[in-house]
Amino acid sequence: VEEVVVPLDDVLHRRPYPVPFLPIVAPHGGRDALGWKVDGRWVAYYHPGDIHDAWADGHAGVRPEVWEACYQLGVNLIYYAHAEYS
């Protein structure tokens, strides 16, 4: 399975929170999220910017709109995993 760029208008970036930009905290490998799909479902997601750093106390020193988008993206990924499981 080849990786593909996950576009900003994909369900992963829209539900339940619309994430209008890819929040990057500590870049390490491009500016695009990558994903792998099997039978029409996302099975893996690679984010090039350590969104979990923004979840820590102090939010890694990034702007509020970036750390808020990091939380929202994390929720979206967990939501997708649970919604697509069944």
N, C-alpha and C. Protein backbone atom coordinates (compact mmCIF):
# COMPACT_ATOMS: atom_id res chain seq x y z
N VAL A 1 0.86 -1.17 0.00
CA VAL A 1 0.00 0.00 0.00
C VAL A 1 0.90 1.23 0.00
N GLU A 2 0.66 2.12 -0.93
CA GLU A 2 1.46 3.34 -1.03
C GLU A 2 0.85 4.45 -0.18
N GLU A 3 1.72 5.28 0.37
CA GLU A 3 1.20 6.44 1.11
C GLU A 3 0.71 7.50 0.13
N VAL A 4 -0.27 8.27 0.60
CA VAL A 4 -0.81 9.38 -0.19
C VAL A 4 -0.94 10.59 0.73
N VAL A 5 -0.93 11.76 0.14
CA VAL A 5 -1.15 12.98 0.92
C VAL A 5 -2.61 13.00 1.36
N VAL A 6 -2.83 13.31 2.64
CA VAL A 6 -4.19 13.44 3.16
C VAL A 6 -4.59 14.90 2.97
N PRO A 7 -5.52 15.18 2.08
CA PRO A 7 -5.88 16.58 1.82
C PRO A 7 -6.65 17.20 2.99
N LEU A 8 -6.59 18.51 3.07
CA LEU A 8 -7.27 19.22 4.16
C LEU A 8 -8.78 19.07 4.10
N ASP A 9 -9.33 18.74 2.93
CA ASP A 9 -10.77 18.57 2.86
C ASP A 9 -11.22 17.12 3.12
N ASP A 10 -10.28 16.26 3.54
CA ASP A 10 -10.62 14.89 3.87
C ASP A 10 -11.38 14.83 5.20
N VAL A 11 -12.14 13.78 5.38
CA VAL A 11 -12.93 13.60 6.60
C VAL A 11 -12.04 13.65 7.86
N LEU A 12 -10.81 13.19 7.77
CA LEU A 12 -9.91 13.23 8.93
C LEU A 12 -9.66 14.65 9.43
N HIS A 13 -9.71 15.59 8.52
CA HIS A 13 -9.46 16.99 8.89
C HIS A 13 -10.75 17.80 9.02
N ARG A 14 -11.91 17.16 8.89
CA ARG A 14 -13.18 17.89 8.92
C ARG A 14 -14.14 17.47 10.02
N ARG A 15 -14.04 16.23 10.52
CA ARG A 15 -15.05 15.75 11.46
C ARG A 15 -14.44 15.17 12.70
N PRO A 16 -14.91 15.49 13.86
CA PRO A 16 -15.99 16.42 14.16
C PRO A 16 -15.57 17.89 14.15
N TYR A 17 -14.26 18.16 14.12
CA TYR A 17 -13.80 19.55 14.09
C TYR A 17 -13.21 19.88 12.73
N PRO A 18 -13.59 20.99 12.14
CA PRO A 18 -12.91 21.42 10.91
C PRO A 18 -11.53 21.98 11.26
N VAL A 19 -10.50 21.39 10.69
CA VAL A 19 -9.12 21.84 10.92
C VAL A 19 -8.66 22.44 9.59
N PRO A 20 -8.69 23.78 9.47
CA PRO A 20 -8.45 24.43 8.18
C PRO A 20 -6.98 24.47 7.72
N PHE A 21 -6.08 24.11 8.63
CA PHE A 21 -4.66 24.08 8.26
C PHE A 21 -4.01 22.93 9.03
N LEU A 22 -2.89 22.45 8.54
CA LEU A 22 -2.19 21.36 9.21
C LEU A 22 -1.30 21.98 10.29
N PRO A 23 -1.64 21.78 11.57
CA PRO A 23 -0.84 22.39 12.63
C PRO A 23 0.52 21.70 12.76
N ILE A 24 1.56 22.48 12.67
CA ILE A 24 2.92 21.96 12.77
C ILE A 24 3.56 22.57 14.02
N VAL A 25 4.02 21.72 14.92
CA VAL A 25 4.69 22.19 16.14
C VAL A 25 6.19 22.11 15.96
N ALA A 26 6.70 20.94 15.64
CA ALA A 26 8.13 20.74 15.43
C ALA A 26 8.29 19.97 14.11
N PRO A 27 8.50 20.67 13.00
CA PRO A 27 8.54 19.99 11.71
C PRO A 27 9.69 19.00 11.59
N HIS A 28 9.38 17.85 11.03
CA HIS A 28 10.42 16.83 10.81
C HIS A 28 10.02 15.88 9.70
N GLY A 29 9.90 16.40 8.51
CA GLY A 29 9.61 15.50 7.42
C GLY A 29 8.49 15.97 6.53
N GLY A 30 8.60 17.15 6.00
CA GLY A 30 7.61 17.64 5.07
C GLY A 30 6.57 18.54 5.72
N ARG A 31 5.60 18.95 4.92
CA ARG A 31 4.54 19.85 5.38
C ARG A 31 3.16 19.26 5.14
N ASP A 32 3.12 17.99 4.69
CA ASP A 32 1.85 17.33 4.38
C ASP A 32 1.66 16.12 5.28
N ALA A 33 0.41 15.90 5.68
CA ALA A 33 0.07 14.66 6.37
C ALA A 33 -0.01 13.56 5.32
N LEU A 34 0.45 12.38 5.69
CA LEU A 34 0.40 11.23 4.79
C LEU A 34 -0.48 10.16 5.40
N GLY A 35 -1.08 9.36 4.55
CA GLY A 35 -1.92 8.29 5.05
C GLY A 35 -1.85 7.08 4.15
N TRP A 36 -2.33 5.97 4.68
CA TRP A 36 -2.39 4.72 3.96
C TRP A 36 -3.82 4.22 4.03
N LYS A 37 -4.39 3.89 2.87
CA LYS A 37 -5.77 3.42 2.80
C LYS A 37 -5.80 1.97 2.33
N VAL A 38 -6.70 1.21 2.94
CA VAL A 38 -6.96 -0.16 2.54
C VAL A 38 -8.47 -0.31 2.43
N ASP A 39 -8.93 -0.74 1.29
CA ASP A 39 -10.37 -0.92 1.04
C ASP A 39 -11.17 0.34 1.37
N GLY A 40 -10.63 1.49 1.02
CA GLY A 40 -11.35 2.75 1.20
C GLY A 40 -11.31 3.34 2.59
N ARG A 41 -10.60 2.71 3.52
CA ARG A 41 -10.49 3.22 4.90
C ARG A 41 -9.05 3.58 5.22
N TRP A 42 -8.90 4.68 5.95
CA TRP A 42 -7.57 5.03 6.43
C TRP A 42 -7.16 4.01 7.48
N VAL A 43 -5.96 3.48 7.34
CA VAL A 43 -5.45 2.52 8.32
C VAL A 43 -4.24 3.07 9.08
N ALA A 44 -3.62 4.11 8.54
CA ALA A 44 -2.48 4.74 9.22
C ALA A 44 -2.42 6.20 8.78
N TYR A 45 -1.93 7.03 9.71
CA TYR A 45 -1.85 8.48 9.48
C TYR A 45 -0.49 8.94 10.00
N TYR A 46 0.24 9.65 9.16
CA TYR A 46 1.54 10.22 9.56
C TYR A 46 1.43 11.73 9.55
N HIS A 47 1.74 12.34 10.68
CA HIS A 47 1.74 13.80 10.78
C HIS A 47 3.18 14.26 10.91
N PRO A 48 3.62 15.22 10.10
CA PRO A 48 5.02 15.62 10.09
C PRO A 48 5.39 16.67 11.13
N GLY A 49 4.55 16.87 12.14
CA GLY A 49 4.85 18.00 13.01
C GLY A 49 4.63 17.84 14.50
N ASP A 50 4.70 16.64 15.05
CA ASP A 50 4.64 16.41 16.51
C ASP A 50 3.47 17.13 17.19
N ILE A 51 2.25 16.84 16.79
CA ILE A 51 1.10 17.52 17.41
C ILE A 51 1.02 17.22 18.90
N HIS A 52 1.55 16.09 19.33
CA HIS A 52 1.47 15.76 20.76
C HIS A 52 2.29 16.71 21.62
N ASP A 53 3.29 17.36 21.06
CA ASP A 53 4.06 18.36 21.84
C ASP A 53 3.16 19.50 22.30
N ALA A 54 2.17 19.86 21.50
CA ALA A 54 1.27 20.95 21.84
C ALA A 54 0.27 20.55 22.92
N TRP A 55 0.14 19.26 23.19
CA TRP A 55 -0.78 18.80 24.23
C TRP A 55 -0.17 18.90 25.62
N ALA A 56 1.13 19.12 25.72
CA ALA A 56 1.81 19.19 27.01
C ALA A 56 1.56 20.54 27.69
N ASP A 57 1.85 20.57 28.98
CA ASP A 57 1.78 21.85 29.69
C ASP A 57 2.66 22.86 28.97
N GLY A 58 2.15 24.05 28.79
CA GLY A 58 2.89 25.09 28.08
C GLY A 58 2.73 25.04 26.57
N HIS A 59 2.13 23.96 26.06
CA HIS A 59 1.80 23.82 24.64
C HIS A 59 3.00 24.04 23.71
N ALA A 60 4.19 23.69 24.18
CA ALA A 60 5.42 23.78 23.38
C ALA A 60 5.70 25.20 22.88
N GLY A 61 5.05 26.17 23.51
CA GLY A 61 5.31 27.56 23.14
C GLY A 61 4.69 28.01 21.83
N VAL A 62 3.79 27.23 21.27
CA VAL A 62 3.17 27.63 20.00
C VAL A 62 1.94 28.50 20.26
N ARG A 63 1.51 29.19 19.23
CA ARG A 63 0.36 30.09 19.32
C ARG A 63 -0.91 29.30 19.68
N PRO A 64 -1.86 29.95 20.36
CA PRO A 64 -3.09 29.26 20.75
C PRO A 64 -3.85 28.62 19.59
N GLU A 65 -3.88 29.26 18.43
CA GLU A 65 -4.61 28.65 17.32
C GLU A 65 -3.94 27.36 16.83
N VAL A 66 -2.62 27.25 17.02
CA VAL A 66 -1.92 26.03 16.62
C VAL A 66 -2.19 24.92 17.62
N TRP A 67 -2.06 25.20 18.94
CA TRP A 67 -2.28 24.10 19.88
C TRP A 67 -3.75 23.68 19.92
N GLU A 68 -4.66 24.61 19.69
CA GLU A 68 -6.07 24.23 19.63
C GLU A 68 -6.33 23.31 18.42
N ALA A 69 -5.73 23.63 17.29
CA ALA A 69 -5.87 22.78 16.10
C ALA A 69 -5.24 21.41 16.33
N CYS A 70 -4.17 21.36 17.12
CA CYS A 70 -3.54 20.07 17.46
C CYS A 70 -4.49 19.20 18.28
N TYR A 71 -5.16 19.79 19.26
CA TYR A 71 -6.16 19.04 20.04
C TYR A 71 -7.28 18.56 19.13
N GLN A 72 -7.77 19.44 18.28
CA GLN A 72 -8.89 19.10 17.41
C GLN A 72 -8.52 17.99 16.43
N LEU A 73 -7.33 18.05 15.88
CA LEU A 73 -6.89 17.01 14.96
C LEU A 73 -6.79 15.67 15.68
N GLY A 74 -6.26 15.68 16.88
CA GLY A 74 -6.19 14.45 17.67
C GLY A 74 -7.57 13.85 17.92
N VAL A 75 -8.53 14.70 18.26
CA VAL A 75 -9.90 14.23 18.47
C VAL A 75 -10.45 13.65 17.17
N ASN A 76 -10.22 14.34 16.05
CA ASN A 76 -10.71 13.85 14.76
C ASN A 76 -10.17 12.45 14.45
N LEU A 77 -8.89 12.22 14.72
CA LEU A 77 -8.29 10.92 14.41
C LEU A 77 -8.88 9.82 15.28
N ILE A 78 -9.07 10.11 16.56
CA ILE A 78 -9.68 9.13 17.46
C ILE A 78 -11.13 8.89 17.06
N TYR A 79 -11.84 9.95 16.73
CA TYR A 79 -13.23 9.83 16.29
C TYR A 79 -13.33 8.94 15.06
N TYR A 80 -12.47 9.18 14.08
CA TYR A 80 -12.49 8.37 12.85
C TYR A 80 -12.22 6.90 13.17
N ALA A 81 -11.23 6.65 14.01
CA ALA A 81 -10.89 5.26 14.35
C ALA A 81 -12.09 4.55 14.98
N HIS A 82 -12.78 5.22 15.87
CA HIS A 82 -13.92 4.60 16.53
C HIS A 82 -15.12 4.49 15.59
N ALA A 83 -15.37 5.51 14.79
CA ALA A 83 -16.51 5.50 13.89
C ALA A 83 -16.35 4.46 12.78
N GLU A 84 -15.15 4.26 12.31
CA GLU A 84 -14.90 3.32 11.22
C GLU A 84 -14.68 1.89 11.69
N TYR A 85 -14.53 1.70 12.97
CA TYR A 85 -14.27 0.35 13.49
C TYR A 85 -15.44 -0.58 13.20
N SER A 86 -16.65 -0.09 13.41
CA SER A 86 -17.81 -0.94 13.17
C SER A 86 -18.26 -0.75 11.75
